[in-house]
Amino acid sequence: MKYVKYAVGNEVLFGTYEQDGDIDNGVEDIEWIVLDLEGDKALLLSKYSLEMKEYDEELENNTWEKSTIRSWLNSNFIEEAFTAEEQAAILKTEVDNSQEEGCSKYGTNGGNNTEDQVFLLSYKEAFEDYFTRDKERICIPTAYTLQQGADEYVTDNGACDWWLRSPGPLRSPFPYGTNVSERGSLGSWNIGSGGICVRPALWINLESDIF
């Protein structure tokens, strides 16, 4: 029965985070889309963008390994969004950052592979592996994310840009990262851009007692 619930395409609840913009009523359940199911583990992607962040606050690194967004997801975010029991159910994943995971037209080195509990999708995962049409990639920000400043960047369809972990072109003065645009197509912004939102992804162990 458990595995039926986590069939690909289903939406499930896991963890909590501020989303409605009203901190007085507490945090809300995080909604996730099941992207993949392999044996006793499932890959989840947040249904909505949960934050708005720079890819790298130091404006130096457009590789996932050295980015500040990776550090934030695997420290601040995971501690805030999940209980100790929930964190134990999130698998440590070897994240593939090879050039093959990135956009071939950029040809940018993606850096070393990493081991993370929480990560962003790569270009290949977002545009080849898990989504086939632009409209499937369109993401709506939470009310909380809008309060963080995303409302300045949301277009008439109510959607936002969201980061991928793959690097973008090497432009001056700052390197670029890749993102999914508000229309669901490929985009790229400099890594210090504050107008791009965050959709965390993670693998969970379905054999955990909490599921």
N, C-alpha and C. Protein backbone atom coordinates (compact mmCIF):
# COMPACT_ATOMS: atom_id res chain seq x y z
N MET A 1 0.83 -1.20 0.00
CA MET A 1 0.00 0.00 0.00
C MET A 1 0.87 1.26 0.00
N LYS A 2 1.98 1.19 0.75
CA LYS A 2 2.90 2.31 0.85
C LYS A 2 3.43 2.71 -0.52
N TYR A 3 3.77 1.70 -1.32
CA TYR A 3 4.39 1.99 -2.60
C TYR A 3 3.38 2.52 -3.62
N VAL A 4 2.12 2.19 -3.45
CA VAL A 4 1.08 2.76 -4.30
C VAL A 4 0.97 4.26 -4.04
N LYS A 5 1.04 4.65 -2.79
CA LYS A 5 0.99 6.07 -2.42
C LYS A 5 2.11 6.85 -3.06
N TYR A 6 3.29 6.21 -3.19
CA TYR A 6 4.46 6.91 -3.73
C TYR A 6 4.71 6.57 -5.20
N ALA A 7 3.66 6.27 -5.93
CA ALA A 7 3.78 6.05 -7.37
C ALA A 7 4.18 7.34 -8.05
N VAL A 8 4.91 7.23 -9.14
CA VAL A 8 5.38 8.41 -9.88
C VAL A 8 4.19 9.27 -10.30
N GLY A 9 4.32 10.56 -10.04
CA GLY A 9 3.27 11.52 -10.38
C GLY A 9 2.36 11.86 -9.22
N ASN A 10 2.36 11.05 -8.18
CA ASN A 10 1.53 11.34 -7.01
C ASN A 10 2.09 12.52 -6.21
N GLU A 11 1.23 13.12 -5.43
CA GLU A 11 1.64 14.21 -4.54
C GLU A 11 1.53 13.72 -3.11
N VAL A 12 2.57 13.97 -2.32
CA VAL A 12 2.63 13.48 -0.94
C VAL A 12 3.07 14.62 -0.01
N LEU A 13 2.83 14.44 1.28
CA LEU A 13 3.24 15.40 2.29
C LEU A 13 4.44 14.86 3.05
N PHE A 14 5.41 15.74 3.32
CA PHE A 14 6.60 15.33 4.07
C PHE A 14 7.29 16.59 4.58
N GLY A 15 7.47 16.69 5.89
CA GLY A 15 8.12 17.86 6.47
C GLY A 15 7.18 19.06 6.54
N THR A 16 7.67 20.13 7.14
CA THR A 16 6.89 21.37 7.28
C THR A 16 7.79 22.57 7.03
N TYR A 17 7.17 23.66 6.56
CA TYR A 17 7.93 24.88 6.29
C TYR A 17 6.95 26.04 6.21
N GLU A 18 7.41 27.23 6.52
CA GLU A 18 6.54 28.40 6.39
C GLU A 18 6.18 28.60 4.92
N GLN A 19 4.87 28.70 4.64
CA GLN A 19 4.44 28.83 3.25
C GLN A 19 3.32 29.84 3.03
N ASP A 20 2.42 29.99 3.99
CA ASP A 20 1.29 30.89 3.76
C ASP A 20 1.59 32.34 4.10
N GLY A 21 2.80 32.59 4.63
CA GLY A 21 3.20 33.95 4.92
C GLY A 21 2.70 34.48 6.25
N ASP A 22 2.00 33.65 7.01
CA ASP A 22 1.49 34.05 8.32
C ASP A 22 2.23 33.25 9.38
N ILE A 23 3.27 33.83 9.96
CA ILE A 23 4.10 33.08 10.91
C ILE A 23 3.36 32.80 12.21
N ASP A 24 2.29 33.55 12.47
CA ASP A 24 1.56 33.38 13.72
C ASP A 24 0.78 32.06 13.78
N ASN A 25 0.46 31.49 12.61
CA ASN A 25 -0.31 30.24 12.62
C ASN A 25 0.56 29.00 12.44
N GLY A 26 1.87 29.18 12.54
CA GLY A 26 2.78 28.04 12.45
C GLY A 26 3.13 27.67 11.02
N VAL A 27 3.90 26.61 10.89
CA VAL A 27 4.37 26.16 9.57
C VAL A 27 3.34 25.25 8.92
N GLU A 28 3.51 25.06 7.62
CA GLU A 28 2.58 24.23 6.84
C GLU A 28 3.27 22.98 6.31
N ASP A 29 2.48 21.94 6.05
CA ASP A 29 3.02 20.72 5.45
C ASP A 29 3.58 21.02 4.06
N ILE A 30 4.73 20.43 3.75
CA ILE A 30 5.33 20.60 2.43
C ILE A 30 4.74 19.56 1.48
N GLU A 31 4.28 20.03 0.33
CA GLU A 31 3.76 19.14 -0.71
C GLU A 31 4.87 18.80 -1.70
N TRP A 32 4.95 17.53 -2.05
CA TRP A 32 6.00 17.04 -2.95
C TRP A 32 5.37 16.26 -4.11
N ILE A 33 6.06 16.29 -5.25
CA ILE A 33 5.70 15.46 -6.39
C ILE A 33 6.66 14.28 -6.45
N VAL A 34 6.16 13.07 -6.59
CA VAL A 34 7.02 11.90 -6.72
C VAL A 34 7.53 11.84 -8.16
N LEU A 35 8.84 11.98 -8.32
CA LEU A 35 9.44 11.96 -9.67
C LEU A 35 9.92 10.58 -10.08
N ASP A 36 10.31 9.76 -9.09
CA ASP A 36 10.88 8.45 -9.44
C ASP A 36 10.68 7.51 -8.26
N LEU A 37 10.57 6.25 -8.56
CA LEU A 37 10.44 5.21 -7.55
C LEU A 37 11.37 4.07 -7.94
N GLU A 38 12.36 3.80 -7.09
CA GLU A 38 13.33 2.74 -7.35
C GLU A 38 13.38 1.83 -6.13
N GLY A 39 12.77 0.67 -6.25
CA GLY A 39 12.78 -0.26 -5.12
C GLY A 39 12.10 0.34 -3.91
N ASP A 40 12.87 0.49 -2.83
CA ASP A 40 12.30 1.01 -1.59
C ASP A 40 12.65 2.48 -1.36
N LYS A 41 12.94 3.21 -2.44
CA LYS A 41 13.23 4.63 -2.28
C LYS A 41 12.49 5.44 -3.35
N ALA A 42 12.15 6.69 -2.99
CA ALA A 42 11.40 7.56 -3.90
C ALA A 42 12.08 8.92 -3.98
N LEU A 43 12.07 9.49 -5.18
CA LEU A 43 12.62 10.83 -5.40
C LEU A 43 11.47 11.84 -5.37
N LEU A 44 11.61 12.84 -4.50
CA LEU A 44 10.59 13.86 -4.34
C LEU A 44 11.12 15.23 -4.77
N LEU A 45 10.24 16.03 -5.38
CA LEU A 45 10.54 17.42 -5.73
C LEU A 45 9.42 18.28 -5.16
N SER A 46 9.77 19.38 -4.48
CA SER A 46 8.72 20.21 -3.90
C SER A 46 7.78 20.71 -4.99
N LYS A 47 6.49 20.68 -4.70
CA LYS A 47 5.50 21.11 -5.67
C LYS A 47 5.60 22.62 -5.93
N TYR A 48 5.85 23.37 -4.88
CA TYR A 48 5.96 24.82 -4.97
C TYR A 48 7.39 25.26 -4.66
N SER A 49 7.76 26.44 -5.09
CA SER A 49 9.05 26.98 -4.67
C SER A 49 8.91 27.44 -3.23
N LEU A 50 9.89 27.08 -2.40
CA LEU A 50 9.79 27.32 -0.97
C LEU A 50 10.59 28.52 -0.49
N GLU A 51 11.53 28.98 -1.29
CA GLU A 51 12.38 30.11 -0.92
C GLU A 51 12.84 30.83 -2.18
N MET A 52 13.46 31.98 -2.00
CA MET A 52 14.12 32.70 -3.08
C MET A 52 15.54 32.98 -2.61
N LYS A 53 16.54 32.46 -3.34
CA LYS A 53 17.92 32.54 -2.89
C LYS A 53 18.86 32.72 -4.07
N GLU A 54 20.03 33.33 -3.77
CA GLU A 54 21.12 33.34 -4.75
C GLU A 54 21.71 31.93 -4.85
N TYR A 55 22.21 31.58 -6.01
CA TYR A 55 22.89 30.29 -6.17
C TYR A 55 24.18 30.29 -5.37
N ASP A 56 24.92 31.40 -5.46
CA ASP A 56 26.14 31.53 -4.68
C ASP A 56 26.28 32.97 -4.20
N GLU A 57 26.18 33.16 -2.90
CA GLU A 57 26.21 34.50 -2.33
C GLU A 57 27.56 35.19 -2.50
N GLU A 58 28.62 34.39 -2.67
CA GLU A 58 29.95 34.96 -2.82
C GLU A 58 30.26 35.37 -4.26
N LEU A 59 29.34 35.06 -5.18
CA LEU A 59 29.48 35.43 -6.60
C LEU A 59 30.73 34.83 -7.22
N GLU A 60 31.13 33.65 -6.76
CA GLU A 60 32.36 33.03 -7.25
C GLU A 60 32.12 31.67 -7.88
N ASN A 61 31.20 30.88 -7.33
CA ASN A 61 31.12 29.48 -7.69
C ASN A 61 29.82 29.12 -8.40
N ASN A 62 29.94 28.64 -9.64
CA ASN A 62 28.73 28.16 -10.32
C ASN A 62 28.74 26.64 -10.43
N THR A 63 29.54 25.98 -9.59
CA THR A 63 29.45 24.53 -9.46
C THR A 63 28.67 24.20 -8.19
N TRP A 64 27.89 23.16 -8.27
CA TRP A 64 27.05 22.77 -7.14
C TRP A 64 27.88 22.51 -5.89
N GLU A 65 29.01 21.85 -6.04
CA GLU A 65 29.84 21.47 -4.91
C GLU A 65 30.17 22.66 -4.01
N LYS A 66 30.49 23.79 -4.60
CA LYS A 66 30.97 24.94 -3.83
C LYS A 66 29.93 26.03 -3.61
N SER A 67 28.72 25.80 -4.07
CA SER A 67 27.69 26.84 -3.99
C SER A 67 27.15 27.01 -2.57
N THR A 68 26.75 28.23 -2.25
CA THR A 68 26.16 28.48 -0.94
C THR A 68 24.74 27.92 -0.87
N ILE A 69 24.08 27.76 -2.00
CA ILE A 69 22.73 27.20 -1.96
C ILE A 69 22.76 25.73 -1.56
N ARG A 70 23.79 25.02 -1.95
CA ARG A 70 23.95 23.62 -1.51
C ARG A 70 24.15 23.57 0.00
N SER A 71 25.02 24.44 0.50
CA SER A 71 25.27 24.48 1.93
C SER A 71 23.99 24.80 2.71
N TRP A 72 23.21 25.75 2.21
CA TRP A 72 21.98 26.14 2.89
C TRP A 72 20.96 25.01 2.91
N LEU A 73 20.79 24.32 1.79
CA LEU A 73 19.81 23.24 1.72
C LEU A 73 20.15 22.11 2.68
N ASN A 74 21.43 21.82 2.84
CA ASN A 74 21.85 20.69 3.65
C ASN A 74 22.19 21.06 5.09
N SER A 75 21.87 22.28 5.48
CA SER A 75 22.06 22.70 6.86
C SER A 75 20.81 23.43 7.35
N ASN A 76 20.68 24.69 7.02
CA ASN A 76 19.55 25.49 7.50
C ASN A 76 18.21 24.90 7.09
N PHE A 77 18.05 24.61 5.80
CA PHE A 77 16.76 24.13 5.33
C PHE A 77 16.38 22.79 5.93
N ILE A 78 17.28 21.83 5.88
CA ILE A 78 16.94 20.49 6.35
C ILE A 78 16.64 20.49 7.85
N GLU A 79 17.35 21.32 8.60
CA GLU A 79 17.12 21.40 10.04
C GLU A 79 15.77 22.04 10.35
N GLU A 80 15.38 23.02 9.55
CA GLU A 80 14.14 23.73 9.79
C GLU A 80 12.92 22.97 9.30
N ALA A 81 13.07 22.24 8.21
CA ALA A 81 11.92 21.62 7.56
C ALA A 81 11.58 20.22 8.08
N PHE A 82 12.54 19.54 8.70
CA PHE A 82 12.32 18.13 9.04
C PHE A 82 12.71 17.83 10.48
N THR A 83 11.94 16.95 11.12
CA THR A 83 12.29 16.45 12.44
C THR A 83 13.50 15.53 12.33
N ALA A 84 14.06 15.16 13.47
CA ALA A 84 15.20 14.24 13.47
C ALA A 84 14.83 12.92 12.81
N GLU A 85 13.61 12.44 13.06
CA GLU A 85 13.17 11.18 12.47
C GLU A 85 13.01 11.31 10.96
N GLU A 86 12.49 12.45 10.51
CA GLU A 86 12.33 12.68 9.08
C GLU A 86 13.69 12.82 8.40
N GLN A 87 14.62 13.50 9.05
CA GLN A 87 15.96 13.64 8.48
C GLN A 87 16.63 12.27 8.30
N ALA A 88 16.38 11.39 9.25
CA ALA A 88 16.97 10.04 9.17
C ALA A 88 16.40 9.25 8.00
N ALA A 89 15.21 9.61 7.54
CA ALA A 89 14.56 8.92 6.42
C ALA A 89 14.99 9.49 5.07
N ILE A 90 15.71 10.61 5.08
CA ILE A 90 16.21 11.20 3.84
C ILE A 90 17.56 10.58 3.52
N LEU A 91 17.66 9.95 2.39
CA LEU A 91 18.87 9.23 2.02
C LEU A 91 19.98 10.18 1.60
N LYS A 92 21.21 9.81 1.95
CA LYS A 92 22.36 10.50 1.39
C LYS A 92 22.56 9.99 -0.03
N THR A 93 22.60 10.91 -0.97
CA THR A 93 22.61 10.57 -2.38
C THR A 93 23.90 11.03 -3.04
N GLU A 94 24.50 10.18 -3.85
CA GLU A 94 25.63 10.64 -4.66
C GLU A 94 25.06 11.43 -5.82
N VAL A 95 25.28 12.71 -5.80
CA VAL A 95 24.72 13.63 -6.79
C VAL A 95 25.68 13.76 -7.96
N ASP A 96 25.19 13.45 -9.14
CA ASP A 96 26.00 13.47 -10.37
C ASP A 96 26.10 14.90 -10.90
N ASN A 97 27.29 15.44 -10.87
CA ASN A 97 27.52 16.80 -11.36
C ASN A 97 28.38 16.81 -12.62
N SER A 98 28.43 15.68 -13.31
CA SER A 98 29.25 15.58 -14.52
C SER A 98 28.72 16.51 -15.60
N GLN A 99 29.55 16.75 -16.59
CA GLN A 99 29.17 17.63 -17.68
C GLN A 99 27.97 17.09 -18.45
N GLU A 100 27.79 15.76 -18.43
CA GLU A 100 26.67 15.14 -19.12
C GLU A 100 25.32 15.51 -18.49
N GLU A 101 25.34 15.91 -17.22
CA GLU A 101 24.11 16.30 -16.55
C GLU A 101 23.72 17.74 -16.87
N GLY A 102 24.66 18.50 -17.45
CA GLY A 102 24.42 19.90 -17.75
C GLY A 102 23.92 20.10 -19.17
N CYS A 103 23.72 21.35 -19.53
CA CYS A 103 23.25 21.70 -20.87
C CYS A 103 24.43 21.69 -21.83
N SER A 104 24.33 20.89 -22.88
CA SER A 104 25.47 20.69 -23.79
C SER A 104 25.87 21.97 -24.50
N LYS A 105 24.93 22.89 -24.73
CA LYS A 105 25.28 24.11 -25.45
C LYS A 105 26.18 25.03 -24.64
N TYR A 106 26.20 24.85 -23.32
CA TYR A 106 27.09 25.63 -22.48
C TYR A 106 28.45 24.97 -22.36
N GLY A 107 28.47 23.64 -22.25
CA GLY A 107 29.73 22.91 -22.15
C GLY A 107 30.55 23.30 -20.94
N THR A 108 29.88 23.66 -19.85
CA THR A 108 30.58 24.14 -18.66
C THR A 108 30.84 23.00 -17.69
N ASN A 109 32.03 22.99 -17.10
CA ASN A 109 32.40 21.96 -16.14
C ASN A 109 31.48 22.03 -14.92
N GLY A 110 30.86 20.91 -14.59
CA GLY A 110 29.92 20.88 -13.46
C GLY A 110 30.57 20.62 -12.12
N GLY A 111 31.88 20.39 -12.09
CA GLY A 111 32.57 20.16 -10.83
C GLY A 111 32.48 18.71 -10.38
N ASN A 112 32.91 18.48 -9.15
CA ASN A 112 32.95 17.12 -8.60
C ASN A 112 31.56 16.64 -8.20
N ASN A 113 31.38 15.33 -8.21
CA ASN A 113 30.17 14.76 -7.64
C ASN A 113 30.15 15.03 -6.14
N THR A 114 28.97 15.05 -5.57
CA THR A 114 28.82 15.33 -4.15
C THR A 114 27.92 14.29 -3.50
N GLU A 115 27.88 14.29 -2.19
CA GLU A 115 26.96 13.44 -1.45
C GLU A 115 26.08 14.34 -0.61
N ASP A 116 24.80 14.34 -0.89
CA ASP A 116 23.87 15.27 -0.26
C ASP A 116 22.57 14.57 0.11
N GLN A 117 21.91 15.12 1.11
CA GLN A 117 20.55 14.68 1.40
C GLN A 117 19.53 15.50 0.60
N VAL A 118 19.80 16.78 0.45
CA VAL A 118 18.90 17.66 -0.30
C VAL A 118 19.70 18.29 -1.44
N PHE A 119 19.10 18.42 -2.60
CA PHE A 119 19.81 18.94 -3.76
C PHE A 119 18.82 19.60 -4.71
N LEU A 120 19.33 20.19 -5.77
CA LEU A 120 18.52 20.72 -6.86
C LEU A 120 18.61 19.77 -8.04
N LEU A 121 17.60 19.76 -8.88
CA LEU A 121 17.66 18.94 -10.10
C LEU A 121 18.73 19.48 -11.04
N SER A 122 19.29 18.60 -11.84
CA SER A 122 20.21 19.01 -12.90
C SER A 122 19.42 19.39 -14.14
N TYR A 123 20.12 19.97 -15.13
CA TYR A 123 19.48 20.27 -16.41
C TYR A 123 18.89 18.99 -17.01
N LYS A 124 19.68 17.91 -17.03
CA LYS A 124 19.23 16.66 -17.64
C LYS A 124 18.01 16.11 -16.93
N GLU A 125 18.00 16.16 -15.61
CA GLU A 125 16.86 15.64 -14.85
C GLU A 125 15.59 16.44 -15.13
N ALA A 126 15.74 17.77 -15.24
CA ALA A 126 14.57 18.63 -15.44
C ALA A 126 14.07 18.64 -16.88
N PHE A 127 14.98 18.46 -17.84
CA PHE A 127 14.59 18.61 -19.25
C PHE A 127 14.60 17.31 -20.05
N GLU A 128 15.15 16.26 -19.50
CA GLU A 128 15.20 15.00 -20.23
C GLU A 128 14.65 13.81 -19.46
N ASP A 129 14.95 13.74 -18.17
CA ASP A 129 14.60 12.54 -17.41
C ASP A 129 13.18 12.53 -16.85
N TYR A 130 12.75 13.63 -16.27
CA TYR A 130 11.52 13.61 -15.49
C TYR A 130 10.38 14.47 -16.05
N PHE A 131 10.68 15.42 -16.91
CA PHE A 131 9.64 16.25 -17.51
C PHE A 131 9.82 16.26 -19.02
N THR A 132 8.72 16.22 -19.75
CA THR A 132 8.80 16.20 -21.21
C THR A 132 8.26 17.48 -21.85
N ARG A 133 7.45 18.25 -21.11
CA ARG A 133 6.85 19.46 -21.67
C ARG A 133 7.10 20.66 -20.75
N ASP A 134 7.20 21.82 -21.36
CA ASP A 134 7.47 23.03 -20.58
C ASP A 134 6.44 23.23 -19.48
N LYS A 135 5.17 23.00 -19.78
CA LYS A 135 4.13 23.31 -18.80
C LYS A 135 4.25 22.43 -17.55
N GLU A 136 4.88 21.26 -17.70
CA GLU A 136 5.07 20.39 -16.54
C GLU A 136 6.12 20.96 -15.58
N ARG A 137 7.00 21.80 -16.11
CA ARG A 137 8.07 22.36 -15.29
C ARG A 137 7.68 23.68 -14.60
N ILE A 138 6.56 24.26 -14.98
CA ILE A 138 6.14 25.54 -14.42
C ILE A 138 5.89 25.39 -12.92
N CYS A 139 6.40 26.35 -12.15
CA CYS A 139 6.31 26.28 -10.70
C CYS A 139 5.71 27.56 -10.13
N ILE A 140 4.83 27.41 -9.17
CA ILE A 140 4.20 28.53 -8.49
C ILE A 140 4.88 28.75 -7.14
N PRO A 141 5.19 29.98 -6.78
CA PRO A 141 5.80 30.24 -5.47
C PRO A 141 4.76 30.26 -4.36
N THR A 142 5.18 29.94 -3.15
CA THR A 142 4.30 30.06 -2.00
C THR A 142 4.11 31.54 -1.65
N ALA A 143 3.10 31.81 -0.83
CA ALA A 143 2.88 33.19 -0.37
C ALA A 143 4.09 33.70 0.40
N TYR A 144 4.72 32.82 1.15
CA TYR A 144 5.92 33.20 1.89
C TYR A 144 7.04 33.61 0.94
N THR A 145 7.23 32.83 -0.13
CA THR A 145 8.27 33.16 -1.11
C THR A 145 8.00 34.50 -1.77
N LEU A 146 6.74 34.79 -2.03
CA LEU A 146 6.38 36.09 -2.59
C LEU A 146 6.76 37.21 -1.63
N GLN A 147 6.57 36.98 -0.34
CA GLN A 147 6.93 37.98 0.66
C GLN A 147 8.43 38.23 0.70
N GLN A 148 9.22 37.21 0.33
CA GLN A 148 10.67 37.37 0.32
C GLN A 148 11.18 38.19 -0.86
N GLY A 149 10.27 38.56 -1.75
CA GLY A 149 10.63 39.40 -2.89
C GLY A 149 10.34 38.79 -4.24
N ALA A 150 9.86 37.55 -4.26
CA ALA A 150 9.58 36.88 -5.53
C ALA A 150 8.46 37.55 -6.30
N ASP A 151 7.61 38.31 -5.58
CA ASP A 151 6.49 38.96 -6.25
C ASP A 151 6.95 39.94 -7.32
N GLU A 152 8.19 40.44 -7.21
CA GLU A 152 8.72 41.36 -8.21
C GLU A 152 9.06 40.66 -9.51
N TYR A 153 9.20 39.34 -9.47
CA TYR A 153 9.67 38.59 -10.63
C TYR A 153 8.61 37.66 -11.22
N VAL A 154 7.52 37.47 -10.51
CA VAL A 154 6.46 36.58 -10.99
C VAL A 154 5.74 37.21 -12.18
N THR A 155 5.46 36.42 -13.20
CA THR A 155 4.82 36.91 -14.41
C THR A 155 3.31 36.74 -14.34
N ASP A 156 2.65 37.06 -15.43
CA ASP A 156 1.20 37.06 -15.43
C ASP A 156 0.58 35.67 -15.24
N ASN A 157 1.34 34.63 -15.42
CA ASN A 157 0.81 33.29 -15.17
C ASN A 157 1.02 32.85 -13.72
N GLY A 158 1.55 33.75 -12.89
CA GLY A 158 1.74 33.46 -11.47
C GLY A 158 2.92 32.59 -11.15
N ALA A 159 3.78 32.29 -12.14
CA ALA A 159 4.89 31.37 -11.95
C ALA A 159 6.20 32.11 -11.72
N CYS A 160 7.20 31.34 -11.26
CA CYS A 160 8.52 31.91 -10.96
C CYS A 160 9.62 31.10 -11.65
N ASP A 161 10.79 31.69 -11.75
CA ASP A 161 11.99 30.97 -12.18
C ASP A 161 12.48 30.13 -11.00
N TRP A 162 13.06 28.95 -11.27
CA TRP A 162 13.65 28.16 -10.20
C TRP A 162 14.98 27.54 -10.64
N TRP A 163 15.91 27.53 -9.68
CA TRP A 163 17.28 27.11 -9.96
C TRP A 163 17.40 25.62 -10.27
N LEU A 164 18.33 25.30 -11.17
CA LEU A 164 18.86 23.96 -11.33
C LEU A 164 20.29 23.95 -10.77
N ARG A 165 20.83 22.79 -10.51
CA ARG A 165 22.19 22.77 -9.95
C ARG A 165 23.27 22.88 -11.03
N SER A 166 22.92 22.64 -12.29
CA SER A 166 23.90 22.64 -13.38
C SER A 166 24.39 24.06 -13.67
N PRO A 167 25.68 24.20 -14.01
CA PRO A 167 26.20 25.53 -14.31
C PRO A 167 25.71 26.04 -15.65
N GLY A 168 25.69 27.34 -15.78
CA GLY A 168 25.34 27.98 -17.04
C GLY A 168 26.59 28.45 -17.76
N PRO A 169 26.46 29.42 -18.66
CA PRO A 169 27.62 29.91 -19.40
C PRO A 169 28.56 30.71 -18.50
N LEU A 170 29.83 30.74 -18.88
CA LEU A 170 30.82 31.51 -18.13
C LEU A 170 30.88 32.92 -18.70
N ARG A 171 30.11 33.80 -18.11
CA ARG A 171 30.06 35.18 -18.58
C ARG A 171 30.73 36.11 -17.59
N SER A 172 31.10 37.29 -18.04
CA SER A 172 31.74 38.28 -17.20
C SER A 172 30.70 39.34 -16.79
N PRO A 173 30.77 39.87 -15.56
CA PRO A 173 31.80 39.63 -14.54
C PRO A 173 31.51 38.44 -13.65
N PHE A 174 30.29 37.82 -13.73
CA PHE A 174 29.97 36.71 -12.86
C PHE A 174 29.57 35.49 -13.69
N PRO A 175 29.93 34.29 -13.23
CA PRO A 175 29.46 33.08 -13.91
C PRO A 175 27.95 32.94 -13.75
N TYR A 176 27.35 32.14 -14.61
CA TYR A 176 25.91 31.95 -14.62
C TYR A 176 25.54 30.54 -14.17
N GLY A 177 24.34 30.40 -13.65
CA GLY A 177 23.76 29.10 -13.37
C GLY A 177 22.56 28.90 -14.28
N THR A 178 22.07 27.68 -14.35
CA THR A 178 20.89 27.41 -15.16
C THR A 178 19.64 27.41 -14.28
N ASN A 179 18.53 27.69 -14.90
CA ASN A 179 17.26 27.68 -14.19
C ASN A 179 16.13 27.31 -15.14
N VAL A 180 14.99 27.00 -14.57
CA VAL A 180 13.77 26.82 -15.34
C VAL A 180 13.02 28.14 -15.28
N SER A 181 12.63 28.66 -16.42
CA SER A 181 11.95 29.95 -16.47
C SER A 181 10.50 29.82 -16.02
N GLU A 182 9.85 30.97 -15.88
CA GLU A 182 8.45 30.98 -15.47
C GLU A 182 7.54 30.34 -16.51
N ARG A 183 8.03 30.15 -17.73
CA ARG A 183 7.26 29.47 -18.78
C ARG A 183 7.64 28.00 -18.91
N GLY A 184 8.58 27.55 -18.08
CA GLY A 184 8.98 26.16 -18.11
C GLY A 184 10.12 25.85 -19.06
N SER A 185 10.69 26.88 -19.68
CA SER A 185 11.80 26.69 -20.61
C SER A 185 13.14 26.90 -19.89
N LEU A 186 14.23 26.64 -20.60
CA LEU A 186 15.56 26.81 -20.02
C LEU A 186 15.92 28.28 -19.92
N GLY A 187 16.51 28.65 -18.81
CA GLY A 187 17.02 30.00 -18.63
C GLY A 187 18.38 29.96 -17.96
N SER A 188 19.03 31.10 -17.87
CA SER A 188 20.29 31.20 -17.13
C SER A 188 20.41 32.61 -16.55
N TRP A 189 20.90 32.68 -15.33
CA TRP A 189 21.07 33.94 -14.64
C TRP A 189 22.41 33.93 -13.93
N ASN A 190 22.93 35.13 -13.64
CA ASN A 190 24.18 35.15 -12.88
C ASN A 190 23.91 34.59 -11.48
N ILE A 191 24.92 33.95 -10.92
CA ILE A 191 24.75 33.17 -9.70
C ILE A 191 24.40 34.03 -8.49
N GLY A 192 24.53 35.34 -8.60
CA GLY A 192 24.16 36.21 -7.50
C GLY A 192 22.76 36.77 -7.62
N SER A 193 22.02 36.32 -8.62
CA SER A 193 20.67 36.84 -8.82
C SER A 193 19.77 36.45 -7.66
N GLY A 194 19.07 37.43 -7.11
CA GLY A 194 18.18 37.17 -5.99
C GLY A 194 16.76 36.88 -6.40
N GLY A 195 16.50 36.83 -7.70
CA GLY A 195 15.12 36.66 -8.15
C GLY A 195 14.75 35.26 -8.56
N ILE A 196 15.59 34.27 -8.24
CA ILE A 196 15.34 32.89 -8.63
C ILE A 196 14.94 32.07 -7.40
N CYS A 197 13.95 31.22 -7.56
CA CYS A 197 13.39 30.48 -6.43
C CYS A 197 14.00 29.08 -6.31
N VAL A 198 13.64 28.40 -5.23
CA VAL A 198 14.25 27.12 -4.87
C VAL A 198 13.19 26.03 -4.74
N ARG A 199 13.39 24.94 -5.48
CA ARG A 199 12.56 23.73 -5.36
C ARG A 199 13.47 22.59 -4.92
N PRO A 200 13.51 22.28 -3.64
CA PRO A 200 14.38 21.19 -3.18
C PRO A 200 13.95 19.84 -3.73
N ALA A 201 14.93 18.95 -3.86
CA ALA A 201 14.67 17.56 -4.24
C ALA A 201 15.40 16.66 -3.26
N LEU A 202 14.88 15.45 -3.05
CA LEU A 202 15.51 14.51 -2.12
C LEU A 202 14.97 13.10 -2.36
N TRP A 203 15.79 12.13 -1.98
CA TRP A 203 15.38 10.72 -2.01
C TRP A 203 15.03 10.30 -0.59
N ILE A 204 13.90 9.59 -0.42
CA ILE A 204 13.51 9.10 0.89
C ILE A 204 13.52 7.58 0.92
N ASN A 205 13.78 7.04 2.09
CA ASN A 205 13.79 5.59 2.32
C ASN A 205 12.39 5.17 2.74
N LEU A 206 11.67 4.49 1.88
CA LEU A 206 10.29 4.10 2.17
C LEU A 206 10.19 3.00 3.21
N GLU A 207 11.32 2.39 3.55
CA GLU A 207 11.32 1.39 4.61
C GLU A 207 11.38 2.01 6.00
N SER A 208 11.53 3.33 6.05
CA SER A 208 11.53 4.02 7.34
C SER A 208 10.17 3.86 8.03
N ASP A 209 10.20 3.75 9.33
CA ASP A 209 8.97 3.55 10.10
C ASP A 209 8.03 4.75 10.04
N ILE A 210 8.50 5.90 9.61
CA ILE A 210 7.63 7.09 9.61
C ILE A 210 6.70 7.10 8.40
N PHE A 211 6.92 6.23 7.42
CA PHE A 211 6.05 6.20 6.23
C PHE A 211 5.05 5.05 6.33
